[in-house]
Amino acid sequence: MDFDAYWQEKQVVAHAQEVQANPKDTDWPTEYQRLADEYEKLYLSLQRLVRISDKMGESIKEAHTTIQKQKKTLDKSNKNLLLREKMLEEKICEFENVFNNSSVGIALVDESGKIYRHNTRLASLLGYTAQDIVYNEIESFLVTSANSCISEQQKLPKPSGSEIISLECPFATKTGDPFWGHLSGKLLNPNSKDSGFIWTIQDISSRKALEYLREDVIRIMQHDLKSNLNAIVNLPGIISADGNLSPEQQKSLNYIANAGEQMLRQIDFSKDIFHMEMNTYKLIPVPVDIITIAKQVVQDITLSKKTKPTFAMTYEDRTLHLGDLLLVTGDHLLCYNTLMNIAKNAAEAATEEESIKINFYAKDLIEIHITNTMPIPQHILPKLFQKYVTHGKIGGTGLGVYSARLMTLAQHGSLEVFSSPEAGTTVVVKLPRSVAG
């Protein structure tokens, strides 16, 4: 402030007291004028102070309004924070309920592989107390053997990113009782490899027992069916030995004998399909002439069907020659069953006038294209490879294409289907080329 009203007032009072103390020496007119000037200045200063005070009042009022607004905002923020804290408490409560009441065992594992928290179901499965489980590794509760998911001294694989690892492993309880568990693990935070892991263990002992029972039933059925089939396989040879057969009759007997032998192989093969589904099938690859297999499939379909659709086979878009050979790496029976399932489906969908095309191509992989004119319905196409999916076929099981794909994958190949109303349906089987070919 340029002029201090309070200082001015003090000066006027001091001067008045000085004049009062020396009245004889005072020039009164001059002093009155001077006093008037001083009071004028004082009045102006006081007016200025009033204006400043008014402005300060307005500023204080604005500041008060701003503080009130900020208080309301803060109250709202506090209310939202309290609401979020309540929601967080509810979610934590939900998590704790799910965690502790889950039907599967759950273990939280740090980056070093040590369990630092688990639910009651895990303790119940393993038969250990919490103190026995914490700070141990999951591997310490596994049974390490040839049939285990890991061998002795091995560690479980560590998931990375959003990867989920699933294994079926034998466990042992504290009392030494074994049980089978489905072990599934992933990172707690996919974006941080140091966040630790969550592992779940589900008791699958009942399912495993059913699988073993299934294998036992299959073995019994195989034994009984093979006993009865031996007569069918051997009888054509006995009849042929008697002679006096026409060429057509001999051809039919040969077909019966071949079909019986094929059935024997199929019975032995039924267990292999189960192992393919479980991803435990072990392929013993050999060179297989896929053209010879396809010719056998066509012959068997032609002899077994009352209506006889024709088949046209080409190699690199030309007619097959007598000496054409195309070797793949696989298994004879798997190749036969794969082509049989696909060609049989094509024959059943074909009209009597139609010619089903089987084309062979020697590329990086050997490709077999089987084409007929009937399209697959669009709503069926996306789920065609699923089990039991069928359409428009009386007595169809929906297992033909499903098992064909299983067998192709077991031979390290692939199976694709292309279908449209304009082009019909083409099934493409791709199998590895044989080095021998």
Protein backbone atom coordinates (compact mmCIF):
# COMPACT_ATOMS: atom_id res chain seq x y z
CA MET A 1 0.00 0.00 0.00
CA ASP A 2 1.39 3.45 -1.03
CA PHE A 3 -0.25 5.37 1.95
CA ASP A 4 -0.62 4.01 5.46
CA ALA A 5 -3.84 5.50 6.99
CA TYR A 6 -2.96 4.36 10.47
CA TRP A 7 0.50 5.94 10.34
CA GLN A 8 -1.06 9.18 9.01
CA GLU A 9 -3.57 9.23 11.86
CA LYS A 10 -0.77 8.84 14.40
CA GLN A 11 1.12 11.72 12.80
CA VAL A 12 -1.93 14.01 12.97
CA VAL A 13 -2.53 13.18 16.64
CA ALA A 14 1.14 13.73 17.48
CA HIS A 15 1.16 17.08 15.70
CA ALA A 16 -2.04 18.16 17.50
CA GLN A 17 -0.49 17.32 20.85
CA GLU A 18 2.61 19.35 19.93
CA VAL A 19 0.45 22.39 19.01
CA GLN A 20 -1.50 22.02 22.22
CA ALA A 21 1.73 22.03 24.20
CA ASN A 22 2.93 25.34 22.58
CA PRO A 23 -0.22 27.43 21.89
CA LYS A 24 1.59 30.82 21.87
CA ASP A 25 3.98 29.85 19.11
CA THR A 26 1.30 28.46 16.83
CA ASP A 27 0.09 30.07 13.59
CA TRP A 28 -3.51 28.99 13.97
CA PRO A 29 -4.88 29.65 10.47
CA THR A 30 -1.95 27.78 8.99
CA GLU A 31 -2.34 24.97 11.46
CA TYR A 32 -6.09 24.66 10.75
CA GLN A 33 -5.42 24.46 7.06
CA ARG A 34 -2.69 21.92 7.56
CA LEU A 35 -4.96 19.87 9.84
CA ALA A 36 -7.74 19.99 7.26
CA ASP A 37 -5.33 18.75 4.58
CA GLU A 38 -4.14 15.97 6.82
CA TYR A 39 -7.67 14.87 7.63
CA GLU A 40 -8.53 14.99 3.91
CA LYS A 41 -5.67 12.66 3.22
CA LEU A 42 -6.79 10.48 6.12
CA TYR A 43 -10.35 10.40 4.76
CA LEU A 44 -9.17 9.37 1.31
CA SER A 45 -6.97 6.68 2.81
CA LEU A 46 -9.88 5.33 4.82
CA GLN A 47 -12.05 5.24 1.70
CA ARG A 48 -9.32 3.29 -0.05
CA LEU A 49 -9.14 0.92 2.88
CA VAL A 50 -12.91 0.38 2.65
CA ARG A 51 -12.63 -0.44 -1.04
CA ILE A 52 -9.77 -2.85 -0.37
CA SER A 53 -11.76 -4.39 2.47
CA ASP A 54 -14.74 -4.86 0.15
CA LYS A 55 -12.53 -6.55 -2.43
CA MET A 56 -11.01 -8.75 0.24
CA GLY A 57 -14.54 -9.67 1.38
CA GLU A 58 -15.43 -10.67 -2.16
CA SER A 59 -12.20 -12.69 -2.45
CA ILE A 60 -12.94 -14.36 0.87
CA LYS A 61 -16.46 -15.13 -0.31
CA GLU A 62 -15.13 -16.60 -3.57
CA ALA A 63 -12.56 -18.58 -1.63
CA HIS A 64 -15.31 -19.84 0.67
CA THR A 65 -17.42 -20.86 -2.34
CA THR A 66 -14.41 -22.62 -3.89
CA ILE A 67 -13.66 -24.40 -0.61
CA GLN A 68 -17.30 -25.52 -0.37
CA LYS A 69 -17.16 -26.89 -3.92
CA GLN A 70 -13.89 -28.66 -3.22
CA LYS A 71 -15.38 -30.02 0.00
CA LYS A 72 -18.36 -31.41 -1.95
CA THR A 73 -15.98 -32.93 -4.52
CA LEU A 74 -13.87 -34.39 -1.74
CA ASP A 75 -16.97 -35.72 0.02
CA LYS A 76 -18.07 -37.33 -3.24
CA SER A 77 -14.58 -38.77 -3.78
CA ASN A 78 -14.58 -40.09 -0.22
CA LYS A 79 -18.01 -41.59 -0.80
CA ASN A 80 -16.80 -43.27 -4.03
CA LEU A 81 -13.68 -44.43 -2.23
CA LEU A 82 -15.75 -45.93 0.56
CA LEU A 83 -18.01 -47.58 -2.03
CA ARG A 84 -14.99 -49.02 -3.83
CA GLU A 85 -13.51 -50.21 -0.57
CA LYS A 86 -16.81 -51.92 0.18
CA MET A 87 -16.89 -53.50 -3.29
CA LEU A 88 -13.27 -54.60 -2.86
CA GLU A 89 -14.12 -56.16 0.49
CA GLU A 90 -17.06 -57.99 -1.12
CA LYS A 91 -14.85 -59.24 -3.98
CA ILE A 92 -12.18 -60.37 -1.52
CA CYS A 93 -14.89 -62.13 0.45
CA GLU A 94 -16.18 -63.79 -2.74
CA PHE A 95 -12.63 -64.82 -3.65
CA GLU A 96 -12.03 -66.25 -0.19
CA ASN A 97 -15.29 -68.23 -0.39
CA VAL A 98 -14.43 -69.58 -3.85
CA PHE A 99 -10.83 -70.25 -2.80
CA ASN A 100 -11.70 -72.09 0.40
CA ASN A 101 -14.82 -73.90 -0.82
CA SER A 102 -13.58 -74.94 -4.26
CA SER A 103 -13.97 -78.59 -5.23
CA VAL A 104 -10.39 -78.57 -6.57
CA GLY A 105 -7.18 -78.10 -4.63
CA ILE A 106 -5.58 -74.69 -5.16
CA ALA A 107 -1.98 -73.73 -4.43
CA LEU A 108 -0.39 -70.30 -4.80
CA VAL A 109 3.29 -70.73 -5.60
CA ASP A 110 6.05 -68.11 -5.59
CA GLU A 111 8.54 -67.68 -8.43
CA SER A 112 10.93 -70.18 -6.80
CA GLY A 113 8.27 -72.91 -6.83
CA LYS A 114 7.43 -72.85 -3.09
CA ILE A 115 3.79 -73.03 -1.96
CA TYR A 116 2.94 -70.00 0.20
CA ARG A 117 -0.83 -70.41 0.39
CA HIS A 118 -3.37 -73.15 -0.33
CA ASN A 119 -7.03 -73.95 0.26
CA THR A 120 -8.54 -76.59 2.53
CA ARG A 121 -9.39 -78.86 -0.42
CA LEU A 122 -5.70 -79.28 -1.26
CA ALA A 123 -4.93 -80.27 2.32
CA SER A 124 -7.86 -82.71 2.19
CA LEU A 125 -6.65 -84.27 -1.07
CA LEU A 126 -3.08 -84.71 0.13
CA GLY A 127 -3.90 -85.56 3.75
CA TYR A 128 -1.32 -83.09 5.08
CA THR A 129 -1.69 -80.19 7.52
CA ALA A 130 -1.15 -76.60 6.40
CA GLN A 131 2.27 -76.58 8.07
CA ASP A 132 3.29 -79.66 6.07
CA ILE A 133 2.29 -78.10 2.74
CA VAL A 134 3.50 -74.50 3.00
CA TYR A 135 7.07 -73.83 1.78
CA ASN A 136 7.14 -77.18 -0.05
CA GLU A 137 7.14 -77.68 -3.81
CA ILE A 138 4.26 -79.38 -5.62
CA GLU A 139 6.78 -81.90 -6.98
CA SER A 140 7.29 -83.22 -3.45
CA PHE A 141 3.73 -84.61 -3.46
CA LEU A 142 4.01 -86.30 -6.89
CA VAL A 143 4.75 -89.96 -7.51
CA THR A 144 7.73 -90.07 -9.87
CA SER A 145 7.73 -93.12 -12.09
CA ALA A 146 7.75 -94.14 -15.72
CA ASN A 147 4.02 -93.37 -15.94
CA SER A 148 4.27 -90.04 -14.12
CA CYS A 149 4.08 -86.60 -15.69
CA ILE A 150 7.66 -85.98 -14.54
CA SER A 151 10.54 -88.30 -13.78
CA GLU A 152 12.64 -88.27 -10.64
CA GLN A 153 14.61 -85.05 -10.00
CA GLN A 154 12.60 -83.22 -12.67
CA LYS A 155 10.64 -80.02 -12.09
CA LEU A 156 7.19 -79.08 -13.32
CA PRO A 157 7.29 -76.79 -16.35
CA LYS A 158 6.74 -73.12 -15.53
CA PRO A 159 3.93 -71.37 -17.45
CA SER A 160 4.79 -68.15 -19.27
CA GLY A 161 2.57 -65.29 -20.43
CA SER A 162 -1.05 -66.39 -20.67
CA GLU A 163 -0.04 -70.04 -21.21
CA ILE A 164 -1.92 -72.69 -19.22
CA ILE A 165 -0.10 -75.96 -18.51
CA SER A 166 -2.25 -79.06 -18.03
CA LEU A 167 -0.90 -82.41 -16.89
CA GLU A 168 -2.28 -85.65 -15.51
CA CYS A 169 -0.08 -86.84 -12.68
CA PRO A 170 -0.13 -89.48 -9.95
CA PHE A 171 0.00 -88.06 -6.41
CA ALA A 172 0.55 -89.71 -3.04
CA THR A 173 -1.20 -88.78 0.20
CA LYS A 174 0.57 -88.54 3.55
CA THR A 175 -0.40 -92.15 4.26
CA GLY A 176 1.06 -93.26 0.91
CA ASP A 177 -2.28 -93.81 -0.85
CA PRO A 178 -2.00 -92.94 -4.56
CA PHE A 179 -4.52 -90.92 -6.52
CA TRP A 180 -4.59 -89.39 -9.98
CA GLY A 181 -4.88 -85.63 -10.31
CA HIS A 182 -5.36 -83.21 -13.19
CA LEU A 183 -2.76 -80.50 -12.60
CA SER A 184 -3.31 -77.11 -14.24
CA GLY A 185 -1.07 -74.05 -13.78
CA LYS A 186 -0.67 -70.47 -15.00
CA LEU A 187 1.02 -67.22 -14.05
CA LEU A 188 -0.87 -65.11 -11.51
CA ASN A 189 -0.05 -62.05 -13.61
CA PRO A 190 0.55 -62.85 -17.31
CA ASN A 191 2.57 -59.64 -17.65
CA SER A 192 5.03 -60.48 -14.86
CA LYS A 193 7.03 -63.69 -14.67
CA ASP A 194 7.89 -62.85 -11.05
CA SER A 195 4.25 -62.77 -9.93
CA GLY A 196 4.23 -66.45 -9.03
CA PHE A 197 1.85 -69.18 -10.17
CA ILE A 198 -1.51 -70.66 -9.36
CA TRP A 199 -1.85 -74.45 -9.61
CA THR A 200 -5.10 -76.38 -9.35
CA ILE A 201 -5.36 -80.11 -8.64
CA GLN A 202 -8.53 -82.04 -9.46
CA ASP A 203 -8.99 -85.62 -8.33
CA ILE A 204 -9.55 -87.71 -11.49
CA SER A 205 -9.07 -91.12 -9.89
CA SER A 206 -12.65 -92.18 -10.76
CA ARG A 207 -12.17 -91.25 -14.40
CA LYS A 208 -8.86 -93.08 -14.53
CA ALA A 209 -10.50 -96.16 -13.01
CA LEU A 210 -13.17 -96.02 -15.74
CA GLU A 211 -10.45 -95.71 -18.38
CA TYR A 212 -8.69 -98.80 -17.03
CA LEU A 213 -12.04 -100.60 -16.93
CA ARG A 214 -12.69 -99.56 -20.51
CA GLU A 215 -9.35 -101.00 -21.59
CA ASP A 216 -10.16 -104.25 -19.79
CA VAL A 217 -13.56 -104.46 -21.52
CA ILE A 218 -11.95 -103.74 -24.89
CA ARG A 219 -9.40 -106.50 -24.33
CA ILE A 220 -12.17 -108.98 -23.43
CA MET A 221 -14.26 -107.96 -26.43
CA GLN A 222 -11.24 -108.19 -28.70
CA HIS A 223 -10.55 -111.72 -27.48
CA ASP A 224 -14.16 -112.87 -27.93
CA LEU A 225 -14.66 -111.21 -31.34
CA LYS A 226 -11.39 -112.54 -32.69
CA SER A 227 -12.33 -116.07 -31.64
CA ASN A 228 -15.52 -115.92 -33.72
CA LEU A 229 -13.85 -114.17 -36.64
CA ASN A 230 -11.24 -116.88 -37.01
CA ALA A 231 -13.91 -119.15 -38.47
CA ILE A 232 -14.93 -116.49 -41.01
CA VAL A 233 -11.32 -115.90 -42.01
CA ASN A 234 -10.43 -119.60 -42.34
CA LEU A 235 -13.64 -120.92 -43.93
CA PRO A 236 -13.10 -119.35 -47.41
CA GLY A 237 -9.76 -121.17 -47.67
CA ILE A 238 -11.39 -124.50 -46.79
CA ILE A 239 -14.14 -123.95 -49.39
CA SER A 240 -11.60 -122.90 -52.03
CA ALA A 241 -9.58 -126.05 -51.39
CA ASP A 242 -12.56 -128.18 -52.46
CA GLY A 243 -12.46 -126.53 -55.91
CA ASN A 244 -15.40 -126.49 -58.37
CA LEU A 245 -15.89 -122.71 -57.93
CA SER A 246 -16.64 -120.15 -60.59
CA PRO A 247 -14.32 -117.14 -60.88
CA GLU A 248 -17.04 -114.92 -59.42
CA GLN A 249 -17.50 -117.26 -56.45
CA GLN A 250 -13.75 -117.37 -55.86
CA LYS A 251 -13.63 -113.57 -56.00
CA SER A 252 -16.40 -113.37 -53.41
CA LEU A 253 -14.62 -115.83 -51.11
CA ASN A 254 -11.41 -113.82 -51.41
CA TYR A 255 -13.35 -110.70 -50.50
CA ILE A 256 -14.82 -112.44 -47.43
CA ALA A 257 -11.39 -113.61 -46.33
CA ASN A 258 -9.86 -110.14 -46.86
CA ALA A 259 -12.76 -108.47 -45.04
CA GLY A 260 -12.33 -110.90 -42.12
CA GLU A 261 -8.62 -110.20 -41.88
CA GLN A 262 -9.35 -106.49 -42.09
CA MET A 263 -11.86 -106.87 -39.26
CA LEU A 264 -9.27 -108.64 -37.13
CA ARG A 265 -6.91 -105.70 -37.64
CA GLN A 266 -9.75 -103.27 -36.83
CA ILE A 267 -10.44 -105.05 -33.55
CA ASP A 268 -6.81 -104.75 -32.55
CA PHE A 269 -6.93 -101.13 -33.66
CA SER A 270 -9.94 -100.11 -31.52
CA LYS A 271 -7.72 -99.61 -28.46
CA ASP A 272 -5.40 -97.38 -30.49
CA ILE A 273 -8.24 -94.92 -31.17
CA PHE A 274 -8.68 -94.52 -27.42
CA HIS A 275 -4.98 -93.71 -27.03
CA MET A 276 -5.23 -91.18 -29.87
CA GLU A 277 -8.05 -89.44 -28.02
CA MET A 278 -5.89 -89.37 -24.90
CA ASN A 279 -2.90 -88.17 -26.97
CA THR A 280 -0.87 -91.16 -25.79
CA TYR A 281 -0.71 -93.09 -29.09
CA LYS A 282 2.80 -93.98 -30.21
CA LEU A 283 3.19 -94.22 -33.98
CA ILE A 284 5.65 -96.70 -35.49
CA PRO A 285 6.02 -95.11 -38.94
CA VAL A 286 6.72 -97.14 -42.07
CA PRO A 287 6.62 -96.29 -45.79
CA VAL A 288 3.07 -96.74 -47.11
CA ASP A 289 2.01 -96.58 -50.76
CA ILE A 290 -1.06 -94.39 -50.47
CA ILE A 291 -2.17 -95.09 -54.05
CA THR A 292 -2.34 -98.84 -53.36
CA ILE A 293 -4.29 -98.13 -50.16
CA ALA A 294 -6.74 -95.92 -52.07
CA LYS A 295 -7.28 -98.63 -54.72
CA GLN A 296 -8.07 -101.16 -51.96
CA VAL A 297 -10.54 -98.71 -50.38
CA VAL A 298 -12.31 -98.16 -53.70
CA GLN A 299 -12.50 -101.93 -54.32
CA ASP A 300 -13.93 -102.60 -50.84
CA ILE A 301 -16.54 -99.84 -51.14
CA THR A 302 -17.54 -100.98 -54.62
CA LEU A 303 -17.99 -104.60 -53.52
CA SER A 304 -19.92 -103.70 -50.36
CA LYS A 305 -22.36 -101.15 -51.81
CA LYS A 306 -25.60 -102.16 -53.52
CA THR A 307 -25.48 -98.98 -55.54
CA LYS A 308 -22.07 -98.55 -57.10
CA PRO A 309 -20.84 -94.96 -57.42
CA THR A 310 -17.82 -94.72 -59.65
CA PHE A 311 -14.43 -93.43 -58.58
CA ALA A 312 -11.94 -91.55 -60.74
CA MET A 313 -8.35 -91.42 -59.51
CA THR A 314 -5.69 -89.05 -60.87
CA TYR A 315 -2.08 -88.28 -60.02
CA GLU A 316 -1.01 -84.66 -60.48
CA ASP A 317 -4.21 -84.15 -62.57
CA ARG A 318 -3.42 -86.98 -65.01
CA THR A 319 -4.79 -90.50 -65.22
CA LEU A 320 -3.10 -93.02 -62.96
CA HIS A 321 -0.49 -95.22 -64.60
CA LEU A 322 0.01 -98.86 -63.67
CA GLY A 323 3.37 -98.27 -61.97
CA ASP A 324 2.50 -95.10 -60.09
CA LEU A 325 3.84 -95.16 -56.55
CA LEU A 326 3.37 -92.51 -53.86
CA LEU A 327 4.94 -93.27 -50.48
CA VAL A 328 3.95 -91.56 -47.25
CA THR A 329 5.33 -92.07 -43.75
CA GLY A 330 2.62 -93.55 -41.58
CA ASP A 331 0.77 -96.74 -40.73
CA HIS A 332 -1.01 -99.04 -43.22
CA LEU A 333 -4.14 -99.48 -41.13
CA LEU A 334 -4.37 -95.80 -40.20
CA CYS A 335 -4.06 -94.78 -43.85
CA TYR A 336 -6.66 -97.37 -44.91
CA ASN A 337 -9.16 -96.36 -42.22
CA THR A 338 -8.70 -92.66 -42.89
CA LEU A 339 -9.34 -92.96 -46.63
CA MET A 340 -12.12 -95.52 -46.07
CA ASN A 341 -14.03 -93.22 -43.71
CA ILE A 342 -13.79 -90.24 -46.05
CA ALA A 343 -14.45 -92.13 -49.30
CA LYS A 344 -17.35 -94.04 -47.70
CA ASN A 345 -18.95 -90.77 -46.60
CA ALA A 346 -18.52 -89.39 -50.11
CA ALA A 347 -20.05 -92.55 -51.63
CA GLU A 348 -23.04 -92.41 -49.28
CA ALA A 349 -23.67 -88.77 -50.18
CA ALA A 350 -23.20 -89.30 -53.93
CA THR A 351 -25.84 -90.01 -56.54
CA GLU A 352 -25.63 -93.17 -58.68
CA GLU A 353 -24.55 -91.14 -61.70
CA GLU A 354 -21.83 -89.28 -59.84
CA SER A 355 -18.13 -89.98 -60.11
CA ILE A 356 -16.17 -89.38 -56.91
CA LYS A 357 -12.75 -87.91 -57.60
CA ILE A 358 -9.60 -88.95 -55.74
CA ASN A 359 -6.62 -86.81 -56.71
CA PHE A 360 -3.03 -87.28 -55.50
CA TYR A 361 -0.45 -84.47 -55.32
CA ALA A 362 3.23 -84.78 -54.39
CA LYS A 363 4.07 -81.49 -52.62
CA ASP A 364 5.97 -80.77 -49.42
CA LEU A 365 3.40 -83.12 -47.94
CA ILE A 366 1.54 -85.78 -49.89
CA GLU A 367 -2.00 -84.53 -50.51
CA ILE A 368 -5.05 -86.70 -51.21
CA HIS A 369 -8.12 -84.74 -52.38
CA ILE A 370 -11.45 -86.61 -52.24
CA THR A 371 -14.27 -84.68 -53.93
CA ASN A 372 -18.00 -85.19 -54.40
CA THR A 373 -20.69 -82.78 -55.60
CA MET A 374 -22.79 -82.66 -52.41
CA PRO A 375 -22.12 -79.62 -50.16
CA ILE A 376 -22.03 -79.87 -46.37
CA PRO A 377 -24.65 -77.64 -44.65
CA GLN A 378 -23.06 -74.40 -43.48
CA HIS A 379 -24.25 -74.84 -39.88
CA ILE A 380 -22.51 -78.25 -39.74
CA LEU A 381 -19.21 -77.21 -41.34
CA PRO A 382 -17.63 -75.36 -38.34
CA LYS A 383 -18.17 -78.34 -36.01
CA LEU A 384 -17.60 -81.13 -38.56
CA PHE A 385 -14.55 -82.53 -36.73
CA GLN A 386 -16.38 -82.79 -33.41
CA LYS A 387 -17.45 -86.14 -32.04
CA TYR A 388 -20.97 -87.39 -32.95
CA VAL A 389 -21.65 -84.59 -35.47
CA THR A 390 -23.69 -85.95 -38.39
CA HIS A 391 -26.38 -84.73 -40.77
CA GLY A 392 -28.91 -86.28 -43.12
CA LYS A 393 -27.63 -89.85 -42.85
CA ILE A 394 -29.80 -92.58 -41.36
CA GLY A 395 -27.82 -94.53 -38.79
CA GLY A 396 -24.91 -92.08 -38.94
CA THR A 397 -22.78 -91.96 -35.78
CA GLY A 398 -20.80 -88.81 -36.50
CA LEU A 399 -17.54 -90.66 -35.88
CA GLY A 400 -16.21 -91.11 -39.43
CA VAL A 401 -14.64 -87.69 -40.02
CA TYR A 402 -13.81 -87.38 -36.31
CA SER A 403 -11.76 -90.58 -36.29
CA ALA A 404 -10.27 -89.80 -39.73
CA ARG A 405 -8.88 -86.56 -38.33
CA LEU A 406 -7.58 -88.35 -35.21
CA MET A 407 -5.76 -90.90 -37.35
CA THR A 408 -4.33 -88.22 -39.66
CA LEU A 409 -3.01 -86.20 -36.72
CA ALA A 410 -1.53 -89.38 -35.20
CA GLN A 411 0.54 -89.71 -38.38
CA HIS A 412 1.72 -86.08 -38.08
CA GLY A 413 -0.53 -85.00 -40.93
CA SER A 414 -3.59 -82.78 -41.25
CA LEU A 415 -7.14 -82.95 -42.56
CA GLU A 416 -9.12 -80.06 -44.05
CA VAL A 417 -12.61 -79.78 -45.53
CA PHE A 418 -13.74 -77.27 -48.17
CA SER A 419 -17.41 -77.14 -49.09
CA SER A 420 -19.74 -74.85 -51.05
CA PRO A 421 -22.92 -75.32 -53.11
CA GLU A 422 -20.98 -74.44 -56.28
CA ALA A 423 -17.88 -76.66 -55.83
CA GLY A 424 -19.30 -79.47 -53.69
CA THR A 425 -17.16 -80.96 -50.92
CA THR A 426 -13.44 -81.66 -51.00
CA VAL A 427 -11.64 -83.37 -48.12
CA VAL A 428 -7.87 -82.83 -48.20
CA VAL A 429 -5.67 -85.33 -46.35
CA LYS A 430 -2.02 -84.31 -45.94
CA LEU A 431 0.60 -86.83 -44.84
CA PRO A 432 4.41 -86.64 -44.54
CA ARG A 433 6.39 -87.84 -47.52
CA SER A 434 8.45 -90.96 -47.07
CA VAL A 435 12.20 -90.64 -47.55
CA ALA A 436 12.03 -93.94 -49.39
CA GLY A 437 9.69 -92.32 -51.91
